[in-house]
PDB file of N, CA and C in Angstrom:
ATOM      1  N   MET A   1     129.224  95.888 125.232  1.00  0.00           N
ATOM      2  CA  MET A   1     129.095  95.387 123.879  1.00  0.00           C
ATOM      3  C   MET A   1     128.275  96.375 123.061  1.00  0.00           C
ATOM      4  N   SER A   2     128.652  96.587 121.808  1.00  0.00           N
ATOM      5  CA  SER A   2     127.946  97.538 120.962  1.00  0.00           C
ATOM      6  C   SER A   2     126.869  96.835 120.152  1.00  0.00           C
ATOM      7  N   LEU A   3     126.098  97.627 119.444  1.00  0.00           N
ATOM      8  CA  LEU A   3     125.074  97.066 118.577  1.00  0.00           C
ATOM      9  C   LEU A   3     125.731  96.216 117.497  1.00  0.00           C
ATOM     10  N   PRO A   4     125.031  95.247 116.945  1.00  0.00           N
ATOM     11  CA  PRO A   4     125.649  94.389 115.940  1.00  0.00           C
ATOM     12  C   PRO A   4     126.033  95.132 114.669  1.00  0.00           C
ATOM     13  N   TYR A   5     125.366  96.241 114.378  1.00  0.00           N
ATOM     14  CA  TYR A   5     125.702  97.074 113.233  1.00  0.00           C
ATOM     15  C   TYR A   5     125.797  98.515 113.721  1.00  0.00           C
ATOM     16  N   SER A   6     126.580  99.319 113.041  1.00  0.00           N
ATOM     17  CA  SER A   6     126.662 100.726 113.420  1.00  0.00           C
ATOM     18  C   SER A   6     125.852 101.552 112.430  1.00  0.00           C
ATOM     19  N   THR A   7     125.546 102.786 112.793  1.00  0.00           N
ATOM     20  CA  THR A   7     124.791 103.651 111.900  1.00  0.00           C
ATOM     21  C   THR A   7     125.671 104.226 110.803  1.00  0.00           C
ATOM     22  N   SER A   8     126.967 103.999 110.863  1.00  0.00           N
ATOM     23  CA  SER A   8     127.860 104.585 109.875  1.00  0.00           C
ATOM     24  C   SER A   8     128.330 103.605 108.807  1.00  0.00           C
ATOM     25  N   SER A   9     128.279 102.320 109.085  1.00  0.00           N
ATOM     26  CA  SER A   9     128.785 101.371 108.085  1.00  0.00           C
ATOM     27  C   SER A   9     128.206  99.981 108.313  1.00  0.00           C
ATOM     28  N   ASN A  10     128.501  99.110 107.435  1.00  0.00           N
ATOM     29  CA  ASN A  10     128.213  97.664 107.440  1.00  0.00           C
ATOM     30  C   ASN A  10     126.761  97.283 107.718  1.00  0.00           C
ATOM     31  N   LEU A  11     125.800  98.107 107.287  1.00  0.00           N
ATOM     32  CA  LEU A  11     124.403  97.718 107.436  1.00  0.00           C
ATOM     33  C   LEU A  11     124.076  96.631 106.421  1.00  0.00           C
ATOM     34  N   PRO A  12     123.391  95.564 106.833  1.00  0.00           N
ATOM     35  CA  PRO A  12     123.041  94.509 105.882  1.00  0.00           C
ATOM     36  C   PRO A  12     121.920  94.966 104.946  1.00  0.00           C
ATOM     37  N   TYR A  13     121.748  94.228 103.847  1.00  0.00           N
ATOM     38  CA  TYR A  13     120.674  94.529 102.904  1.00  0.00           C
ATOM     39  C   TYR A  13     119.332  94.479 103.626  1.00  0.00           C
ATOM     40  N   GLY A  14     118.465  95.438 103.338  1.00  0.00           N
ATOM     41  CA  GLY A  14     117.156  95.497 103.969  1.00  0.00           C
ATOM     42  C   GLY A  14     117.145  96.301 105.245  1.00  0.00           C
ATOM     43  N   SER A  15     118.287  96.834 105.650  1.00  0.00           N
ATOM     44  CA  SER A  15     118.360  97.670 106.847  1.00  0.00           C
ATOM     45  C   SER A  15     118.661  99.099 106.441  1.00  0.00           C
ATOM     46  N   ARG A  16     118.274 100.010 107.285  1.00  0.00           N
ATOM     47  CA  ARG A  16     118.558 101.422 107.054  1.00  0.00           C
ATOM     48  C   ARG A  16     118.518 102.160 108.376  1.00  0.00           C
ATOM     49  N   VAL A  17     118.978 103.386 108.367  1.00  0.00           N
ATOM     50  CA  VAL A  17     118.960 104.222 109.556  1.00  0.00           C
ATOM     51  C   VAL A  17     117.747 105.138 109.469  1.00  0.00           C
ATOM     52  N   LEU A  18     116.926 105.148 110.528  1.00  0.00           N
ATOM     53  CA  LEU A  18     115.755 106.026 110.601  1.00  0.00           C
ATOM     54  C   LEU A  18     115.960 107.041 111.709  1.00  0.00           C
ATOM     55  N   SER A  19     115.561 108.260 111.454  1.00  0.00           N
ATOM     56  CA  SER A  19     115.560 109.296 112.478  1.00  0.00           C
ATOM     57  C   SER A  19     114.119 109.477 112.939  1.00  0.00           C
ATOM     58  N   ILE A  20     113.830 109.000 114.147  1.00  0.00           N
ATOM     59  CA  ILE A  20     112.484 109.089 114.719  1.00  0.00           C
ATOM     60  C   ILE A  20     112.567 109.999 115.934  1.00  0.00           C
ATOM     61  N   ASN A  21     111.865 111.115 115.867  1.00  0.00           N
ATOM     62  CA  ASN A  21     111.879 112.079 116.966  1.00  0.00           C
ATOM     63  C   ASN A  21     113.312 112.503 117.308  1.00  0.00           C
ATOM     64  N   SER A  22     114.126 112.720 116.265  1.00  0.00           N
ATOM     65  CA  SER A  22     115.523 113.164 116.368  1.00  0.00           C
ATOM     66  C   SER A  22     116.458 112.128 116.992  1.00  0.00           C
ATOM     67  N   VAL A  23     116.047 110.879 117.069  1.00  0.00           N
ATOM     68  CA  VAL A  23     116.894 109.793 117.565  1.00  0.00           C
ATOM     69  C   VAL A  23     117.160 108.849 116.405  1.00  0.00           C
ATOM     70  N   LEU A  24     118.422 108.454 116.216  1.00  0.00           N
ATOM     71  CA  LEU A  24     118.767 107.525 115.145  1.00  0.00           C
ATOM     72  C   LEU A  24     118.577 106.079 115.603  1.00  0.00           C
ATOM     73  N   TYR A  25     117.868 105.317 114.799  1.00  0.00           N
ATOM     74  CA  TYR A  25     117.646 103.900 115.050  1.00  0.00           C
ATOM     75  C   TYR A  25     118.104 103.124 113.827  1.00  0.00           C
ATOM     76  N   ILE A  26     118.665 101.950 114.021  1.00  0.00           N
ATOM     77  CA  ILE A  26     118.928 101.046 112.917  1.00  0.00           C
ATOM     78  C   ILE A  26     117.677 100.203 112.745  1.00  0.00           C
ATOM     79  N   ALA A  27     117.103 100.248 111.551  1.00  0.00           N
ATOM     80  CA  ALA A  27     115.872  99.523 111.262  1.00  0.00           C
ATOM     81  C   ALA A  27     116.198  98.311 110.401  1.00  0.00           C
ATOM     82  N   ASN A  28     116.179  97.139 111.016  1.00  0.00           N
ATOM     83  CA  ASN A  28     116.382  95.887 110.285  1.00  0.00           C
ATOM     84  C   ASN A  28     115.068  95.455 109.647  1.00  0.00           C
ATOM     85  N   ASN A  29     115.169  94.699 108.575  1.00  0.00           N
ATOM     86  CA  ASN A  29     113.990  94.157 107.889  1.00  0.00           C
ATOM     87  C   ASN A  29     112.955  95.234 107.585  1.00  0.00           C
ATOM     88  N   PHE A  30     113.426  96.368 107.096  1.00  0.00           N
ATOM     89  CA  PHE A  30     112.546  97.479 106.739  1.00  0.00           C
ATOM     90  C   PHE A  30     111.737  97.081 105.510  1.00  0.00           C
ATOM     91  N   ARG A  31     110.439  96.962 105.669  1.00  0.00           N
ATOM     92  CA  ARG A  31     109.566  96.533 104.577  1.00  0.00           C
ATOM     93  C   ARG A  31     108.428  97.533 104.406  1.00  0.00           C
ATOM     94  N   VAL A  32     108.223  97.946 103.157  1.00  0.00           N
ATOM     95  CA  VAL A  32     107.136  98.871 102.835  1.00  0.00           C
ATOM     96  C   VAL A  32     106.327  98.262 101.702  1.00  0.00           C
ATOM     97  N   GLN A  33     105.019  98.425 101.770  1.00  0.00           N
ATOM     98  CA  GLN A  33     104.157  97.915 100.718  1.00  0.00           C
ATOM     99  C   GLN A  33     103.016  98.892 100.474  1.00  0.00           C
ATOM    100  N   GLN A  34     102.498  98.857  99.267  1.00  0.00           N
ATOM    101  CA  GLN A  34     101.316  99.653  98.954  1.00  0.00           C
ATOM    102  C   GLN A  34     100.248  98.718  98.454  1.00  0.00           C
ATOM    103  N   ALA A  35      99.203  98.610  99.204  1.00  0.00           N
ATOM    104  CA  ALA A  35      98.078  97.765  98.815  1.00  0.00           C
ATOM    105  C   ALA A  35      96.992  98.658  98.239  1.00  0.00           C
ATOM    106  N   GLY A  36      96.120  98.058  97.513  1.00  0.00           N
ATOM    107  CA  GLY A  36      94.957  98.787  97.030  1.00  0.00           C
ATOM    108  C   GLY A  36      93.726  98.350  97.794  1.00  0.00           C
ATOM    109  N   LYS A  37      92.712  99.151  97.731  1.00  0.00           N
ATOM    110  CA  LYS A  37      91.447  98.785  98.352  1.00  0.00           C
ATOM    111  C   LYS A  37      90.492  98.401  97.228  1.00  0.00           C
ATOM    112  N   LEU A  38      90.013  97.177  97.269  1.00  0.00           N
ATOM    113  CA  LEU A  38      89.136  96.654  96.227  1.00  0.00           C
ATOM    114  C   LEU A  38      87.686  96.812  96.663  1.00  0.00           C
ATOM    115  N   LEU A  39      86.919  97.517  95.849  1.00  0.00           N
ATOM    116  CA  LEU A  39      85.487  97.667  96.091  1.00  0.00           C
ATOM    117  C   LEU A  39      84.757  96.878  95.013  1.00  0.00           C
ATOM    118  N   GLU A  40      83.966  95.900  95.427  1.00  0.00           N
ATOM    119  CA  GLU A  40      83.258  95.051  94.469  1.00  0.00           C
ATOM    120  C   GLU A  40      81.779  95.427  94.417  1.00  0.00           C
ATOM    121  N   ARG A  41      81.246  95.382  93.218  1.00  0.00           N
ATOM    122  CA  ARG A  41      79.821  95.628  93.014  1.00  0.00           C
ATOM    123  C   ARG A  41      79.160  94.280  92.781  1.00  0.00           C
ATOM    124  N   MET A  42      78.023  94.063  93.401  1.00  0.00           N
ATOM    125  CA  MET A  42      77.316  92.787  93.302  1.00  0.00           C
ATOM    126  C   MET A  42      75.930  92.998  92.705  1.00  0.00           C
ATOM    127  N   THR A  43      75.414  91.942  92.092  1.00  0.00           N
ATOM    128  CA  THR A  43      74.033  91.974  91.618  1.00  0.00           C
ATOM    129  C   THR A  43      73.112  91.742  92.808  1.00  0.00           C
ATOM    130  N   GLU A  44      71.832  91.845  92.555  1.00  0.00           N
ATOM    131  CA  GLU A  44      70.863  91.603  93.633  1.00  0.00           C
ATOM    132  C   GLU A  44      70.889  90.164  94.129  1.00  0.00           C
ATOM    133  N   LEU A  45      71.511  89.253  93.360  1.00  0.00           N
ATOM    134  CA  LEU A  45      71.641  87.857  93.773  1.00  0.00           C
ATOM    135  C   LEU A  45      72.990  87.573  94.425  1.00  0.00           C
ATOM    136  N   GLY A  46      73.842  88.582  94.527  1.00  0.00           N
ATOM    137  CA  GLY A  46      75.131  88.415  95.188  1.00  0.00           C
ATOM    138  C   GLY A  46      76.264  88.008  94.258  1.00  0.00           C
ATOM    139  N   ALA A  47      76.033  87.992  92.967  1.00  0.00           N
ATOM    140  CA  ALA A  47      77.090  87.656  92.014  1.00  0.00           C
ATOM    141  C   ALA A  47      77.897  88.912  91.687  1.00  0.00           C
ATOM    142  N   PRO A  48      79.224  88.792  91.606  1.00  0.00           N
ATOM    143  CA  PRO A  48      80.031  89.977  91.272  1.00  0.00           C
ATOM    144  C   PRO A  48      79.789  90.415  89.831  1.00  0.00           C
ATOM    145  N   ASN A  49      79.612  91.724  89.631  1.00  0.00           N
ATOM    146  CA  ASN A  49      79.437  92.220  88.266  1.00  0.00           C
ATOM    147  C   ASN A  49      80.272  93.472  87.999  1.00  0.00           C
ATOM    148  N   GLY A  50      81.233  93.747  88.866  1.00  0.00           N
ATOM    149  CA  GLY A  50      82.125  94.874  88.635  1.00  0.00           C
ATOM    150  C   GLY A  50      82.968  95.141  89.864  1.00  0.00           C
ATOM    151  N   ALA A  51      84.064  95.849  89.642  1.00  0.00           N
ATOM    152  CA  ALA A  51      84.950  96.181  90.757  1.00  0.00           C
ATOM    153  C   ALA A  51      85.770  97.413  90.391  1.00  0.00           C
ATOM    154  N   VAL A  52      86.255  98.079  91.418  1.00  0.00           N
ATOM    155  CA  VAL A  52      87.160  99.206  91.240  1.00  0.00           C
ATOM    156  C   VAL A  52      88.251  99.093  92.292  1.00  0.00           C
ATOM    157  N   LEU A  53      89.481  99.401  91.897  1.00  0.00           N
ATOM    158  CA  LEU A  53      90.624  99.336  92.804  1.00  0.00           C
ATOM    159  C   LEU A  53      91.131 100.756  93.021  1.00  0.00           C
ATOM    160  N   ILE A  54      91.238 101.174  94.287  1.00  0.00           N
ATOM    161  CA  ILE A  54      91.746 102.510  94.589  1.00  0.00           C
ATOM    162  C   ILE A  54      93.040 102.385  95.390  1.00  0.00           C
ATOM    163  N   ASP A  55      93.926 103.369  95.207  1.00  0.00           N
ATOM    164  CA  ASP A  55      95.196 103.361  95.924  1.00  0.00           C
ATOM    165  C   ASP A  55      94.982 103.536  97.415  1.00  0.00           C
ATOM    166  N   ALA A  56      95.779 102.843  98.186  1.00  0.00           N
ATOM    167  CA  ALA A  56      95.781 102.982  99.638  1.00  0.00           C
ATOM    168  C   ALA A  56      97.160 103.515 100.048  1.00  0.00           C
ATOM    169  N   PRO A  57      97.291 104.103 101.221  1.00  0.00           N
ATOM    170  CA  PRO A  57      98.595 104.607 101.661  1.00  0.00           C
ATOM    171  C   PRO A  57      99.600 103.474 101.848  1.00  0.00           C
ATOM    172  N   TYR A  58     100.870 103.821 101.744  1.00  0.00           N
ATOM    173  CA  TYR A  58     101.936 102.865 102.032  1.00  0.00           C
ATOM    174  C   TYR A  58     101.891 102.484 103.508  1.00  0.00           C
ATOM    175  N   THR A  59     102.168 101.222 103.799  1.00  0.00           N
ATOM    176  CA  THR A  59     102.300 100.748 105.173  1.00  0.00           C
ATOM    177  C   THR A  59     103.580  99.919 105.261  1.00  0.00           C
ATOM    178  N   GLY A  60     104.045  99.668 106.469  1.00  0.00           N
ATOM    179  CA  GLY A  60     105.250  98.870 106.589  1.00  0.00           C
ATOM    180  C   GLY A  60     105.558  98.439 108.001  1.00  0.00           C
ATOM    181  N   THR A  61     106.653  97.687 108.105  1.00  0.00           N
ATOM    182  CA  THR A  61     107.136  97.189 109.384  1.00  0.00           C
ATOM    183  C   THR A  61     108.656  97.276 109.409  1.00  0.00           C
ATOM    184  N   ALA A  62     109.209  97.281 110.593  1.00  0.00           N
ATOM    185  CA  ALA A  62     110.658  97.255 110.773  1.00  0.00           C
ATOM    186  C   ALA A  62     110.965  96.770 112.180  1.00  0.00           C
ATOM    187  N   GLU A  63     112.183  96.279 112.352  1.00  0.00           N
ATOM    188  CA  GLU A  63     112.683  95.902 113.669  1.00  0.00           C
ATOM    189  C   GLU A  63     113.772  96.905 114.030  1.00  0.00           C
ATOM    190  N   LEU A  64     113.544  97.679 115.087  1.00  0.00           N
ATOM    191  CA  LEU A  64     114.511  98.689 115.502  1.00  0.00           C
ATOM    192  C   LEU A  64     115.502  98.116 116.492  1.00  0.00           C
ATOM    193  N   GLN A  65     116.774  98.483 116.347  1.00  0.00           N
ATOM    194  CA  GLN A  65     117.789  98.160 117.349  1.00  0.00           C
ATOM    195  C   GLN A  65     117.841  99.326 118.328  1.00  0.00           C
ATOM    196  N   ILE A  66     117.778  99.011 119.602  1.00  0.00           N
ATOM    197  CA  ILE A  66     117.750 100.038 120.639  1.00  0.00           C
ATOM    198  C   ILE A  66     118.808  99.711 121.678  1.00  0.00           C
ATOM    199  N   ALA A  67     119.707 100.663 121.931  1.00  0.00           N
ATOM    200  CA  ALA A  67     120.715 100.462 122.968  1.00  0.00           C
ATOM    201  C   ALA A  67     120.025 100.448 124.326  1.00  0.00           C
ATOM    202  N   ASN A  68     120.456  99.555 125.218  1.00  0.00           N
ATOM    203  CA  ASN A  68     119.821  99.408 126.529  1.00  0.00           C
ATOM    204  C   ASN A  68     119.858 100.666 127.380  1.00  0.00           C
ATOM    205  N   THR A  69     120.958 101.403 127.324  1.00  0.00           N
ATOM    206  CA  THR A  69     121.168 102.420 128.334  1.00  0.00           C
ATOM    207  C   THR A  69     120.671 103.807 127.987  1.00  0.00           C
ATOM    208  N   SER A  70     120.788 104.237 126.729  1.00  0.00           N
ATOM    209  CA  SER A  70     120.569 105.659 126.493  1.00  0.00           C
ATOM    210  C   SER A  70     119.529 106.020 125.442  1.00  0.00           C
ATOM    211  N   ILE A  71     119.034 105.089 124.669  1.00  0.00           N
ATOM    212  CA  ILE A  71     118.109 105.447 123.603  1.00  0.00           C
ATOM    213  C   ILE A  71     116.678 105.188 124.054  1.00  0.00           C
ATOM    214  N   ALA A  72     115.825 106.185 123.833  1.00  0.00           N
ATOM    215  CA  ALA A  72     114.422 106.079 124.229  1.00  0.00           C
ATOM    216  C   ALA A  72     113.654 105.190 123.255  1.00  0.00           C
ATOM    217  N   PHE A  73     112.619 104.573 123.737  1.00  0.00           N
ATOM    218  CA  PHE A  73     111.745 103.785 122.884  1.00  0.00           C
ATOM    219  C   PHE A  73     110.854 104.721 122.080  1.00  0.00           C
ATOM    220  N   PRO A  74     110.565 104.385 120.835  1.00  0.00           N
ATOM    221  CA  PRO A  74     109.618 105.202 120.074  1.00  0.00           C
ATOM    222  C   PRO A  74     108.201 104.951 120.586  1.00  0.00           C
ATOM    223  N   ASN A  75     107.340 105.903 120.364  1.00  0.00           N
ATOM    224  CA  ASN A  75     105.938 105.788 120.759  1.00  0.00           C
ATOM    225  C   ASN A  75     105.052 105.851 119.525  1.00  0.00           C
ATOM    226  N   ILE A  76     103.829 105.372 119.664  1.00  0.00           N
ATOM    227  CA  ILE A  76     102.895 105.492 118.552  1.00  0.00           C
ATOM    228  C   ILE A  76     102.688 106.973 118.259  1.00  0.00           C
ATOM    229  N   SER A  77     102.415 107.265 117.038  1.00  0.00           N
ATOM    230  CA  SER A  77     102.189 108.596 116.467  1.00  0.00           C
ATOM    231  C   SER A  77     103.465 109.381 116.195  1.00  0.00           C
ATOM    232  N   MET A  78     104.643 108.879 116.601  1.00  0.00           N
ATOM    233  CA  MET A  78     105.884 109.555 116.230  1.00  0.00           C
ATOM    234  C   MET A  78     106.086 109.420 114.728  1.00  0.00           C
ATOM    235  N   THR A  79     106.718 110.408 114.123  1.00  0.00           N
ATOM    236  CA  THR A  79     106.861 110.432 112.671  1.00  0.00           C
ATOM    237  C   THR A  79     108.311 110.301 112.233  1.00  0.00           C
ATOM    238  N   PHE A  80     108.489 109.874 110.988  1.00  0.00           N
ATOM    239  CA  PHE A  80     109.809 109.808 110.370  1.00  0.00           C
ATOM    240  C   PHE A  80     109.631 109.848 108.858  1.00  0.00           C
ATOM    241  N   SER A  81     110.709 110.122 108.152  1.00  0.00           N
ATOM    242  CA  SER A  81     110.722 110.111 106.692  1.00  0.00           C
ATOM    243  C   SER A  81     111.609 108.974 106.216  1.00  0.00           C
ATOM    244  N   ALA A  82     111.210 108.361 105.113  1.00  0.00           N
ATOM    245  CA  ALA A  82     112.011 107.272 104.537  1.00  0.00           C
ATOM    246  C   ALA A  82     111.738 107.189 103.051  1.00  0.00           C
ATOM    247  N   ARG A  83     112.745 106.757 102.324  1.00  0.00           N
ATOM    248  CA  ARG A  83     112.612 106.550 100.883  1.00  0.00           C
ATOM    249  C   ARG A  83     112.058 105.152 100.659  1.00  0.00           C
ATOM    250  N   VAL A  84     111.057 105.052  99.799  1.00  0.00           N
ATOM    251  CA  VAL A  84     110.429 103.769  99.507  1.00  0.00           C
ATOM    252  C   VAL A  84     111.182 103.033  98.412  1.00  0.00           C
ATOM    253  N   ASP A  85     111.581 103.746  97.377  1.00  0.00           N
ATOM    254  CA  ASP A  85     112.374 103.143  96.309  1.00  0.00           C
ATOM    255  C   ASP A  85     113.252 104.213  95.680  1.00  0.00           C
ATOM    256  N   ALA A  86     114.089 103.822  94.743  1.00  0.00           N
ATOM    257  CA  ALA A  86     115.058 104.741  94.153  1.00  0.00           C
ATOM    258  C   ALA A  86     114.404 105.834  93.317  1.00  0.00           C
ATOM    259  N   GLU A  87     113.184 105.639  92.878  1.00  0.00           N
ATOM    260  CA  GLU A  87     112.524 106.605  92.014  1.00  0.00           C
ATOM    261  C   GLU A  87     111.731 107.662  92.776  1.00  0.00           C
ATOM    262  N   ASN A  88     111.392 107.420  94.011  1.00  0.00           N
ATOM    263  CA  ASN A  88     110.555 108.345  94.781  1.00  0.00           C
ATOM    264  C   ASN A  88     111.368 109.162  95.764  1.00  0.00           C
ATOM    265  N   ALA A  89     110.857 110.338  96.092  1.00  0.00           N
ATOM    266  CA  ALA A  89     111.429 111.123  97.180  1.00  0.00           C
ATOM    267  C   ALA A  89     111.005 110.488  98.504  1.00  0.00           C
ATOM    268  N   ASN A  90     111.533 111.019  99.596  1.00  0.00           N
ATOM    269  CA  ASN A  90     111.145 110.498 100.908  1.00  0.00           C
ATOM    270  C   ASN A  90     109.650 110.682 101.134  1.00  0.00           C
ATOM    271  N   LEU A  91     109.053 109.710 101.797  1.00  0.00           N
ATOM    272  CA  LEU A  91     107.660 109.791 102.213  1.00  0.00           C
ATOM    273  C   LEU A  91     107.630 109.936 103.729  1.00  0.00           C
ATOM    274  N   ASN A  92     106.591 110.560 104.238  1.00  0.00           N
ATOM    275  CA  ASN A  92     106.428 110.725 105.684  1.00  0.00           C
ATOM    276  C   ASN A  92     105.530 109.622 106.218  1.00  0.00           C
ATOM    277  N   PHE A  93     105.960 109.031 107.344  1.00  0.00           N
ATOM    278  CA  PHE A  93     105.234 107.939 107.979  1.00  0.00           C
ATOM    279  C   PHE A  93     104.980 108.272 109.450  1.00  0.00           C
ATOM    280  N   PHE A  94     103.967 107.646 110.037  1.00  0.00           N
ATOM    281  CA  PHE A  94     103.773 107.712 111.487  1.00  0.00           C
ATOM    282  C   PHE A  94     103.640 106.292 112.023  1.00  0.00           C
ATOM    283  N   ILE A  95     104.110 106.107 113.257  1.00  0.00           N
ATOM    284  CA  ILE A  95     104.114 104.788 113.883  1.00  0.00           C
ATOM    285  C   ILE A  95     102.716 104.478 114.416  1.00  0.00           C
ATOM    286  N   THR A  96     102.210 103.294 114.052  1.00  0.00           N
ATOM    287  CA  THR A  96     100.878 102.890 114.498  1.00  0.00           C
ATOM    288  C   THR A  96     100.911 101.811 115.576  1.00  0.00           C
ATOM    289  N   GLU A  97     102.017 101.045 115.652  1.00  0.00           N
ATOM    290  CA  GLU A  97     102.166 100.005 116.675  1.00  0.00           C
ATOM    291  C   GLU A  97     103.621  99.912 117.092  1.00  0.00           C
ATOM    292  N   VAL A  98     103.839  99.655 118.384  1.00  0.00           N
ATOM    293  CA  VAL A  98     105.184  99.431 118.912  1.00  0.00           C
ATOM    294  C   VAL A  98     105.153  98.128 119.697  1.00  0.00           C
ATOM    295  N   GLY A  99     106.004  97.193 119.299  1.00  0.00           N
ATOM    296  CA  GLY A  99     106.056  95.906 119.988  1.00  0.00           C
ATOM    297  C   GLY A  99     106.849  95.989 121.290  1.00  0.00           C
ATOM    298  N   VAL A 100     106.657  95.004 122.134  1.00  0.00           N
ATOM    299  CA  VAL A 100     107.408  94.916 123.386  1.00  0.00           C
ATOM    300  C   VAL A 100     108.859  94.579 123.041  1.00  0.00           C
ATOM    301  N   PRO A 101     109.823  95.341 123.564  1.00  0.00           N
ATOM    302  CA  PRO A 101     111.225  95.076 123.220  1.00  0.00           C
ATOM    303  C   PRO A 101     111.718  93.743 123.764  1.00  0.00           C
ATOM    304  N   GLU A 102     112.614  93.129 122.997  1.00  0.00           N
ATOM    305  CA  GLU A 102     113.268  91.898 123.418  1.00  0.00           C
ATOM    306  C   GLU A 102     114.745  92.184 123.599  1.00  0.00           C
ATOM    307  N   THR A 103     115.335  91.678 124.666  1.00  0.00           N
ATOM    308  CA  THR A 103     116.740  91.915 124.956  1.00  0.00           C
ATOM    309  C   THR A 103     117.600  90.828 124.339  1.00  0.00           C
ATOM    310  N   SER A 104     118.699  91.257 123.706  1.00  0.00           N
ATOM    311  CA  SER A 104     119.673  90.342 123.128  1.00  0.00           C
ATOM    312  C   SER A 104     121.064  90.893 123.422  1.00  0.00           C
ATOM    313  N   ASP A 105     121.778  90.278 124.333  1.00  0.00           N
ATOM    314  CA  ASP A 105     123.084  90.764 124.791  1.00  0.00           C
ATOM    315  C   ASP A 105     122.937  92.177 125.357  1.00  0.00           C
ATOM    316  N   GLN A 106     123.618  93.153 124.741  1.00  0.00           N
ATOM    317  CA  GLN A 106     123.605  94.518 125.282  1.00  0.00           C
ATOM    318  C   GLN A 106     122.661  95.458 124.548  1.00  0.00           C
ATOM    319  N   TRP A 107     121.778  94.968 123.721  1.00  0.00           N
ATOM    320  CA  TRP A 107     120.858  95.820 122.991  1.00  0.00           C
ATOM    321  C   TRP A 107     119.460  95.238 123.059  1.00  0.00           C
ATOM    322  N   LYS A 108     118.492  96.044 122.643  1.00  0.00           N
ATOM    323  CA  LYS A 108     117.110  95.588 122.572  1.00  0.00           C
ATOM    324  C   LYS A 108     116.617  95.731 121.150  1.00  0.00           C
ATOM    325  N   ASN A 109     115.722  94.858 120.760  1.00  0.00           N
ATOM    326  CA  ASN A 109     115.048  94.937 119.474  1.00  0.00           C
ATOM    327  C   ASN A 109     113.584  95.222 119.734  1.00  0.00           C
ATOM    328  N   CYS A 110     113.012  96.083 118.903  1.00  0.00           N
ATOM    329  CA  CYS A 110     111.614  96.481 119.070  1.00  0.00           C
ATOM    330  C   CYS A 110     110.966  96.556 117.694  1.00  0.00           C
ATOM    331  N   ASP A 111     109.878  95.855 117.476  1.00  0.00           N
ATOM    332  CA  ASP A 111     109.171  95.893 116.209  1.00  0.00           C
ATOM    333  C   ASP A 111     108.231  97.096 116.154  1.00  0.00           C
ATOM    334  N   ILE A 112     108.160  97.723 114.978  1.00  0.00           N
ATOM    335  CA  ILE A 112     107.215  98.812 114.787  1.00  0.00           C
ATOM    336  C   ILE A 112     106.410  98.539 113.513  1.00  0.00           C
ATOM    337  N   THR A 113     105.212  99.078 113.485  1.00  0.00           N
ATOM    338  CA  THR A 113     104.366  99.105 112.306  1.00  0.00           C
ATOM    339  C   THR A 113     104.075 100.573 112.023  1.00  0.00           C
ATOM    340  N   PHE A 114     104.080 100.938 110.742  1.00  0.00           N
ATOM    341  CA  PHE A 114     103.884 102.352 110.401  1.00  0.00           C
ATOM    342  C   PHE A 114     103.015 102.493 109.164  1.00  0.00           C
ATOM    343  N   ARG A 115     102.532 103.734 108.953  1.00  0.00           N
ATOM    344  CA  ARG A 115     101.622 104.054 107.843  1.00  0.00           C
ATOM    345  C   ARG A 115     102.009 105.407 107.285  1.00  0.00           C
ATOM    346  N   GLU A 116     101.822 105.563 105.992  1.00  0.00           N
ATOM    347  CA  GLU A 116     102.118 106.836 105.339  1.00  0.00           C
ATOM    348  C   GLU A 116     101.165 107.919 105.841  1.00  0.00           C
ATOM    349  N   VAL A 117     101.708 109.116 106.045  1.00  0.00           N
ATOM    350  CA  VAL A 117     100.888 110.264 106.408  1.00  0.00           C
ATOM    351  C   VAL A 117     100.115 110.679 105.154  1.00  0.00           C
ATOM    352  N   ALA A 118      98.802 110.711 105.243  1.00  0.00           N
ATOM    353  CA  ALA A 118      97.994 111.013 104.062  1.00  0.00           C
ATOM    354  C   ALA A 118      97.854 112.503 103.840  1.00  0.00           C
TER     355      ALA A 118
END
């Protein structure tokens, strides 16, 4: 049995093909977000009296489809490039977490967490 989607066609919305360490993976539920880091200033009594918001790197998650027989699992610190939105060029990311794969029929799914290379 083959993967539920192929890398050449019929990918559902929110999925894309990622090349990680020269291996193609179908990444379902590809989600990227950019949070800010809020630094608050307090008075000597602990009341807020100011704040500043600074940009933080993009972070994200995805569920990779992995064929049982021939595709290697990704490891932490492996890198890949991906487009965040239609207006930006590709950004470089590195994997920070790899979940334990789950088997479903003839393929495995593996969750990853990643962060933008600063």
